[in-house]
């Protein structure tokens, strides 16, 4: 890929990350407000405090789950990379063995 294509992809990834972050923030605030509204016996200042704390907790949980997902994706990437290398070695070995067998058979047949 060219430098321009890499820069474009990186820029799009940053924009996507920003938009996802804003969506998570909006969701956390909405969930916090909905939770606090259900506590009708609280005053407005108390509801705002509960809403804010709920949103903070929601965001922290979201970040924790996202970090766990990223860690698991990295584990899977490493595992599949290892499997790919192993499979490639076996395939190459089998191809060389088949080539050697065919070469030996041709040499034997050419002597007849």
N, C-alpha and C. Protein backbone atom coordinates (compact mmCIF):
# COMPACT_ATOMS: atom_id res chain seq x y z
N UNK A 1 0.83 -1.18 0.00
CA UNK A 1 0.00 0.00 0.00
C UNK A 1 0.88 1.25 0.00
N UNK A 2 0.38 2.28 -0.63
CA UNK A 2 1.15 3.52 -0.68
C UNK A 2 1.00 4.28 0.63
N UNK A 3 1.88 5.24 0.81
CA UNK A 3 1.82 6.07 2.00
C UNK A 3 0.49 6.81 2.10
N UNK A 4 0.02 7.28 0.95
CA UNK A 4 -1.25 8.00 0.93
C UNK A 4 -2.40 7.09 1.37
N UNK A 5 -2.41 5.86 0.88
CA UNK A 5 -3.46 4.91 1.26
C UNK A 5 -3.38 4.57 2.74
N UNK A 6 -2.15 4.43 3.26
CA UNK A 6 -1.98 4.15 4.69
C UNK A 6 -2.48 5.32 5.54
N UNK A 7 -2.15 6.54 5.11
CA UNK A 7 -2.60 7.72 5.84
C UNK A 7 -4.12 7.83 5.82
N UNK A 8 -4.71 7.53 4.68
CA UNK A 8 -6.17 7.57 4.55
C UNK A 8 -6.81 6.54 5.47
N UNK A 9 -6.28 5.33 5.46
CA UNK A 9 -6.82 4.27 6.32
C UNK A 9 -6.69 4.64 7.79
N UNK A 10 -5.55 5.20 8.17
CA UNK A 10 -5.34 5.60 9.56
C UNK A 10 -6.30 6.74 9.94
N UNK A 11 -6.50 7.67 9.03
CA UNK A 11 -7.43 8.77 9.29
C UNK A 11 -8.86 8.27 9.45
N UNK A 12 -9.26 7.35 8.60
CA UNK A 12 -10.60 6.78 8.72
C UNK A 12 -10.76 5.99 10.01
N UNK A 13 -9.72 5.30 10.42
CA UNK A 13 -9.77 4.55 11.68
C UNK A 13 -9.92 5.51 12.87
N UNK A 14 -9.21 6.65 12.82
CA UNK A 14 -9.33 7.64 13.90
C UNK A 14 -10.75 8.22 13.95
N UNK A 15 -11.30 8.52 12.78
CA UNK A 15 -12.66 9.06 12.73
C UNK A 15 -13.65 8.03 13.26
N UNK A 16 -13.48 6.79 12.84
CA UNK A 16 -14.37 5.72 13.32
C UNK A 16 -14.26 5.57 14.83
N UNK A 17 -13.04 5.61 15.35
CA UNK A 17 -12.85 5.51 16.80
C UNK A 17 -13.50 6.66 17.54
N UNK A 18 -13.37 7.86 17.00
CA UNK A 18 -13.99 9.03 17.61
C UNK A 18 -15.51 8.89 17.63
N UNK A 19 -16.08 8.48 16.50
CA UNK A 19 -17.53 8.33 16.42
C UNK A 19 -18.04 7.23 17.36
N UNK A 20 -17.28 6.15 17.47
CA UNK A 20 -17.68 5.08 18.40
C UNK A 20 -17.60 5.57 19.84
N UNK A 21 -16.58 6.35 20.15
CA UNK A 21 -16.44 6.90 21.49
C UNK A 21 -17.58 7.84 21.83
N UNK A 22 -17.95 8.68 20.87
CA UNK A 22 -19.06 9.60 21.09
C UNK A 22 -20.38 8.85 21.27
N UNK A 23 -20.57 7.78 20.51
CA UNK A 23 -21.79 6.97 20.65
C UNK A 23 -21.82 6.31 22.03
N UNK A 24 -20.69 5.81 22.50
CA UNK A 24 -20.63 5.18 23.82
C UNK A 24 -20.91 6.21 24.91
N UNK A 25 -20.37 7.41 24.75
CA UNK A 25 -20.61 8.48 25.72
C UNK A 25 -22.08 8.87 25.76
N UNK A 26 -22.68 9.01 24.58
CA UNK A 26 -24.10 9.36 24.50
C UNK A 26 -24.96 8.26 25.14
N UNK A 27 -24.64 7.00 24.85
CA UNK A 27 -25.38 5.88 25.43
C UNK A 27 -25.26 5.88 26.95
N UNK A 28 -24.06 6.11 27.46
CA UNK A 28 -23.85 6.11 28.91
C UNK A 28 -24.66 7.23 29.57
N UNK A 29 -24.66 8.39 28.96
CA UNK A 29 -25.44 9.51 29.52
C UNK A 29 -26.94 9.21 29.50
N UNK A 30 -27.40 8.65 28.37
CA UNK A 30 -28.82 8.33 28.27
C UNK A 30 -29.22 7.28 29.30
N UNK A 31 -28.39 6.26 29.48
CA UNK A 31 -28.68 5.21 30.46
C UNK A 31 -28.68 5.80 31.87
N UNK A 32 -27.73 6.65 32.16
CA UNK A 32 -27.65 7.28 33.47
C UNK A 32 -28.87 8.15 33.76
N UNK A 33 -29.29 8.92 32.75
CA UNK A 33 -30.46 9.77 32.93
C UNK A 33 -31.72 8.93 33.13
N UNK A 34 -31.85 7.86 32.37
CA UNK A 34 -33.03 6.99 32.50
C UNK A 34 -33.06 6.35 33.89
N UNK A 35 -31.91 5.91 34.36
CA UNK A 35 -31.85 5.29 35.68
C UNK A 35 -32.22 6.30 36.77
N UNK A 36 -31.66 7.49 36.67
CA UNK A 36 -31.90 8.52 37.69
C UNK A 36 -33.36 8.99 37.67
N UNK A 37 -33.96 9.08 36.48
CA UNK A 37 -35.36 9.50 36.40
C UNK A 37 -36.29 8.52 37.11
N UNK A 38 -35.89 7.24 37.14
CA UNK A 38 -36.72 6.23 37.81
C UNK A 38 -36.73 6.42 39.32
N UNK A 39 -35.75 7.12 39.83
CA UNK A 39 -35.67 7.37 41.28
C UNK A 39 -36.39 8.68 41.58
N UNK A 40 -37.69 8.64 41.52
CA UNK A 40 -38.51 9.85 41.58
C UNK A 40 -38.47 10.56 42.93
N UNK A 41 -38.10 9.87 43.97
CA UNK A 41 -38.06 10.48 45.30
C UNK A 41 -36.82 11.35 45.52
N UNK A 42 -35.86 11.28 44.59
CA UNK A 42 -34.66 12.11 44.71
C UNK A 42 -34.92 13.50 44.15
N UNK A 43 -34.20 14.47 44.67
CA UNK A 43 -34.26 15.81 44.13
C UNK A 43 -33.49 15.88 42.82
N UNK A 44 -33.63 16.99 42.11
CA UNK A 44 -32.99 17.11 40.79
C UNK A 44 -31.46 17.07 40.89
N UNK A 45 -30.89 17.71 41.91
CA UNK A 45 -29.43 17.69 42.08
C UNK A 45 -28.96 16.26 42.36
N UNK A 46 -29.72 15.54 43.15
CA UNK A 46 -29.35 14.14 43.47
C UNK A 46 -29.48 13.27 42.23
N UNK A 47 -30.55 13.48 41.45
CA UNK A 47 -30.72 12.72 40.21
C UNK A 47 -29.58 12.99 39.24
N UNK A 48 -29.15 14.24 39.16
CA UNK A 48 -28.03 14.57 38.27
C UNK A 48 -26.75 13.88 38.73
N UNK A 49 -26.53 13.84 40.04
CA UNK A 49 -25.35 13.15 40.58
C UNK A 49 -25.40 11.66 40.29
N UNK A 50 -26.56 11.05 40.52
CA UNK A 50 -26.74 9.62 40.24
C UNK A 50 -26.54 9.36 38.75
N UNK A 51 -27.11 10.21 37.93
CA UNK A 51 -26.99 10.07 36.48
C UNK A 51 -25.52 10.14 36.06
N UNK A 52 -24.80 11.10 36.60
CA UNK A 52 -23.38 11.26 36.25
C UNK A 52 -22.57 10.04 36.69
N UNK A 53 -22.80 9.58 37.91
CA UNK A 53 -22.05 8.42 38.41
C UNK A 53 -22.39 7.15 37.63
N UNK A 54 -23.66 6.98 37.30
CA UNK A 54 -24.06 5.83 36.51
C UNK A 54 -23.36 5.86 35.15
N UNK A 55 -23.35 7.03 34.51
CA UNK A 55 -22.70 7.17 33.21
C UNK A 55 -21.21 6.87 33.31
N UNK A 56 -20.55 7.34 34.36
CA UNK A 56 -19.12 7.05 34.55
C UNK A 56 -18.89 5.56 34.70
N UNK A 57 -19.75 4.92 35.50
CA UNK A 57 -19.62 3.47 35.70
C UNK A 57 -19.87 2.73 34.38
N UNK A 58 -20.88 3.16 33.65
CA UNK A 58 -21.20 2.54 32.36
C UNK A 58 -20.02 2.66 31.40
N UNK A 59 -19.41 3.84 31.32
CA UNK A 59 -18.25 4.04 30.44
C UNK A 59 -17.05 3.20 30.88
N UNK A 60 -16.82 3.13 32.19
CA UNK A 60 -15.71 2.33 32.69
C UNK A 60 -15.91 0.86 32.33
N UNK A 61 -17.13 0.38 32.47
CA UNK A 61 -17.44 -1.00 32.11
C UNK A 61 -17.26 -1.22 30.61
N UNK A 62 -17.71 -0.25 29.82
CA UNK A 62 -17.55 -0.33 28.36
C UNK A 62 -16.07 -0.41 27.97
N UNK A 63 -15.25 0.44 28.59
CA UNK A 63 -13.81 0.43 28.30
C UNK A 63 -13.17 -0.90 28.70
N UNK A 64 -13.59 -1.43 29.83
CA UNK A 64 -13.05 -2.71 30.31
C UNK A 64 -13.41 -3.83 29.33
N UNK A 65 -14.65 -3.85 28.88
CA UNK A 65 -15.07 -4.89 27.92
C UNK A 65 -14.34 -4.72 26.59
N UNK A 66 -14.15 -3.48 26.16
CA UNK A 66 -13.44 -3.23 24.91
C UNK A 66 -11.98 -3.68 25.02
N UNK A 67 -11.34 -3.39 26.15
CA UNK A 67 -9.96 -3.82 26.36
C UNK A 67 -9.86 -5.34 26.36
N UNK A 68 -10.84 -6.01 26.97
CA UNK A 68 -10.84 -7.48 26.97
C UNK A 68 -11.01 -8.02 25.56
N UNK A 69 -11.86 -7.37 24.77
CA UNK A 69 -12.07 -7.79 23.39
C UNK A 69 -10.80 -7.61 22.57
N UNK A 70 -10.13 -6.49 22.76
CA UNK A 70 -8.88 -6.23 22.03
C UNK A 70 -7.81 -7.25 22.42
N UNK A 71 -7.72 -7.55 23.72
CA UNK A 71 -6.73 -8.53 24.19
C UNK A 71 -7.02 -9.91 23.60
N UNK A 72 -8.29 -10.29 23.57
CA UNK A 72 -8.65 -11.60 23.01
C UNK A 72 -8.38 -11.64 21.51
N UNK A 73 -8.65 -10.55 20.82
CA UNK A 73 -8.36 -10.49 19.38
C UNK A 73 -6.87 -10.66 19.13
N UNK A 74 -6.04 -10.06 19.97
CA UNK A 74 -4.59 -10.20 19.83
C UNK A 74 -4.16 -11.65 20.10
N UNK A 75 -4.76 -12.27 21.11
CA UNK A 75 -4.46 -13.68 21.39
C UNK A 75 -4.82 -14.55 20.20
N UNK A 76 -5.99 -14.32 19.62
CA UNK A 76 -6.42 -15.11 18.46
C UNK A 76 -5.52 -14.86 17.26
N UNK A 77 -5.12 -13.60 17.06
CA UNK A 77 -4.22 -13.28 15.94
C UNK A 77 -2.91 -14.04 16.06
N UNK A 78 -2.36 -14.04 17.28
CA UNK A 78 -1.10 -14.75 17.50
C UNK A 78 -1.28 -16.26 17.31
N UNK A 79 -2.39 -16.79 17.83
CA UNK A 79 -2.64 -18.24 17.69
C UNK A 79 -2.79 -18.63 16.23
N UNK A 80 -3.56 -17.85 15.46
CA UNK A 80 -3.75 -18.18 14.05
C UNK A 80 -2.48 -17.96 13.24
N UNK A 81 -1.69 -16.97 13.60
CA UNK A 81 -0.41 -16.77 12.91
C UNK A 81 0.50 -17.98 13.13
N UNK A 82 0.51 -18.50 14.37
CA UNK A 82 1.31 -19.68 14.67
C UNK A 82 0.80 -20.88 13.87
N UNK A 83 -0.50 -21.06 13.82
CA UNK A 83 -1.08 -22.18 13.05
C UNK A 83 -0.75 -22.05 11.57
N UNK A 84 -0.81 -20.83 11.04
CA UNK A 84 -0.51 -20.61 9.64
C UNK A 84 0.93 -20.99 9.32
N UNK A 85 1.86 -20.57 10.18
CA UNK A 85 3.27 -20.90 9.97
C UNK A 85 3.46 -22.41 10.00
N UNK A 86 2.83 -23.08 10.96
CA UNK A 86 2.93 -24.53 11.07
C UNK A 86 2.36 -25.21 9.82
N UNK A 87 1.20 -24.77 9.39
CA UNK A 87 0.58 -25.35 8.20
C UNK A 87 1.44 -25.12 6.96
N UNK A 88 2.01 -23.92 6.84
CA UNK A 88 2.86 -23.61 5.70
C UNK A 88 4.10 -24.51 5.68
N UNK A 89 4.69 -24.75 6.86
CA UNK A 89 5.86 -25.64 6.93
C UNK A 89 5.50 -27.06 6.50
N UNK A 90 4.36 -27.56 7.01
CA UNK A 90 3.96 -28.91 6.65
C UNK A 90 3.66 -29.03 5.16
N UNK A 91 2.98 -28.03 4.61
CA UNK A 91 2.65 -28.05 3.19
C UNK A 91 3.92 -28.00 2.34
N UNK A 92 4.84 -27.15 2.74
CA UNK A 92 6.11 -27.07 2.00
C UNK A 92 6.85 -28.40 2.09
N UNK A 93 6.88 -28.99 3.27
CA UNK A 93 7.55 -30.29 3.44
C UNK A 93 6.91 -31.37 2.59
N UNK A 94 5.59 -31.41 2.57
CA UNK A 94 4.89 -32.40 1.74
C UNK A 94 5.14 -32.16 0.26
N UNK A 95 5.16 -30.91 -0.15
CA UNK A 95 5.42 -30.60 -1.55
C UNK A 95 6.83 -31.01 -1.95
N UNK A 96 7.80 -30.76 -1.07
CA UNK A 96 9.18 -31.18 -1.36
C UNK A 96 9.31 -32.70 -1.41
N UNK A 97 8.61 -33.37 -0.49
CA UNK A 97 8.65 -34.83 -0.48
C UNK A 97 8.02 -35.39 -1.76
N UNK A 98 6.90 -34.81 -2.17
CA UNK A 98 6.25 -35.26 -3.40
C UNK A 98 7.13 -35.00 -4.60
N UNK A 99 7.79 -33.84 -4.62
CA UNK A 99 8.70 -33.52 -5.72
C UNK A 99 9.86 -34.51 -5.76
N UNK A 100 10.42 -34.80 -4.57
CA UNK A 100 11.54 -35.76 -4.51
C UNK A 100 11.08 -37.13 -4.97
N UNK A 101 9.89 -37.55 -4.58
CA UNK A 101 9.37 -38.85 -4.99
C UNK A 101 9.15 -38.89 -6.49
N UNK A 102 8.59 -37.86 -7.06
CA UNK A 102 8.38 -37.81 -8.51
C UNK A 102 9.72 -37.80 -9.26
N UNK A 103 10.66 -37.06 -8.75
CA UNK A 103 11.99 -37.01 -9.37
C UNK A 103 12.64 -38.38 -9.33
N UNK A 104 12.57 -39.04 -8.19
CA UNK A 104 13.13 -40.40 -8.06
C UNK A 104 12.44 -41.36 -9.01
N UNK A 105 11.14 -41.28 -9.12
CA UNK A 105 10.39 -42.17 -10.02
C UNK A 105 10.79 -41.91 -11.46
N UNK A 106 10.95 -40.65 -11.84
CA UNK A 106 11.35 -40.33 -13.21
C UNK A 106 12.77 -40.84 -13.50
N UNK A 107 13.65 -40.70 -12.51
CA UNK A 107 15.02 -41.20 -12.71
C UNK A 107 15.03 -42.71 -12.88
N UNK A 108 14.24 -43.40 -12.08
CA UNK A 108 14.15 -44.85 -12.19
C UNK A 108 13.55 -45.27 -13.53
N UNK A 109 12.52 -44.55 -13.95
CA UNK A 109 11.89 -44.87 -15.23
C UNK A 109 12.81 -44.57 -16.41
N UNK A 110 13.62 -43.55 -16.30
CA UNK A 110 14.51 -43.18 -17.41
C UNK A 110 15.65 -44.20 -17.58
N UNK A 111 15.94 -44.96 -16.51
CA UNK A 111 17.00 -45.97 -16.59
C UNK A 111 16.49 -47.24 -17.26
N UNK A 112 15.21 -47.39 -17.35
CA UNK A 112 14.64 -48.61 -17.94
C UNK A 112 14.69 -48.60 -19.40
